[in-house]
Amino acid sequence: MLGRRAWWEIFHVALGVGAAALIASLVAWAYPLAQRDVWIVAIVGMVTTTVMSVPQIRRAMAADRAEQGGPR
């Protein structure tokens, strides 16, 4: 089960990915000639952000388990 810290980490990652998608959609709308390139760069950035957040989420899960007295 995910604890409070892990949910907060996931929430922040989702918020960041959502903000990146919003910014990318605005940029793609404002500069239609580069729409494909904008989305490629945005998707790579969103995937990178998600992958880089995995260690923080694992650390938060471990802290939650330690707080509950569960196994590591």
Protein backbone atom coordinates (compact mmCIF):
# COMPACT_ATOMS: atom_id res chain seq x y z
CA MET A 1 0.00 0.00 0.00
CA LEU A 2 1.24 3.47 -0.82
CA GLY A 3 1.63 5.90 2.02
CA ARG A 4 1.23 9.62 2.25
CA ARG A 5 4.77 10.49 1.12
CA ALA A 6 4.58 8.24 -1.94
CA TRP A 7 1.22 9.71 -2.98
CA TRP A 8 2.65 13.23 -2.67
CA GLU A 9 5.59 12.30 -4.88
CA ILE A 10 3.27 10.77 -7.50
CA PHE A 11 1.03 13.83 -7.31
CA HIS A 12 3.98 16.15 -7.95
CA VAL A 13 5.15 14.08 -10.91
CA ALA A 14 1.65 14.08 -12.40
CA LEU A 15 1.39 17.81 -11.84
CA GLY A 16 4.73 18.39 -13.60
CA VAL A 17 3.81 16.18 -16.54
CA GLY A 18 0.43 17.90 -16.82
CA ALA A 19 2.08 21.33 -16.78
CA ALA A 20 4.53 20.22 -19.47
CA ALA A 21 1.66 18.95 -21.63
CA LEU A 22 -0.22 22.23 -21.19
CA ILE A 23 2.83 24.30 -22.12
CA ALA A 24 3.58 22.04 -25.10
CA SER A 25 0.02 22.34 -26.38
CA LEU A 26 0.18 26.13 -26.12
CA VAL A 27 3.53 26.25 -27.90
CA ALA A 28 2.32 23.87 -30.62
CA TRP A 29 -0.75 26.04 -31.12
CA ALA A 30 1.32 29.23 -31.27
CA TYR A 31 3.89 27.83 -33.70
CA PRO A 32 2.11 25.32 -35.96
CA LEU A 33 5.08 24.83 -38.32
CA ALA A 34 7.03 23.15 -35.52
CA GLN A 35 4.08 21.32 -33.99
CA ARG A 36 5.57 17.86 -34.51
CA ASP A 37 8.96 18.88 -33.14
CA VAL A 38 7.39 20.54 -30.11
CA TRP A 39 5.48 17.40 -29.22
CA ILE A 40 8.51 15.15 -29.72
CA VAL A 41 10.59 17.28 -27.36
CA ALA A 42 7.71 17.55 -24.87
CA ILE A 43 7.10 13.81 -24.81
CA VAL A 44 10.80 13.08 -24.34
CA GLY A 45 10.85 15.59 -21.48
CA MET A 46 7.75 14.10 -19.85
CA VAL A 47 9.12 10.55 -20.10
CA THR A 48 12.48 11.68 -18.71
CA THR A 49 10.79 13.46 -15.82
CA THR A 50 8.76 10.36 -15.03
CA VAL A 51 11.75 8.03 -15.17
CA MET A 52 13.90 10.35 -13.06
CA SER A 53 11.21 10.47 -10.37
CA VAL A 54 11.23 6.70 -9.76
CA PRO A 55 14.06 6.83 -7.15
CA GLN A 56 12.28 9.57 -5.19
CA ILE A 57 9.05 7.59 -5.20
CA ARG A 58 10.88 4.47 -4.03
CA ARG A 59 12.54 6.48 -1.27
CA ALA A 60 9.17 7.85 -0.20
CA MET A 61 7.71 4.35 -0.16
CA ALA A 62 10.59 3.14 2.01
CA ALA A 63 10.08 6.06 4.41
CA ASP A 64 6.37 5.26 4.62
CA ARG A 65 7.11 1.59 5.37
CA ALA A 66 9.68 2.53 8.01
CA GLU A 67 7.19 4.86 9.66
CA GLN A 68 4.63 2.04 9.80
CA GLY A 69 7.22 -0.41 11.13
CA GLY A 70 6.98 -2.71 8.12
CA PRO A 71 9.75 -4.68 6.37
CA ARG A 72 12.27 -2.76 4.28
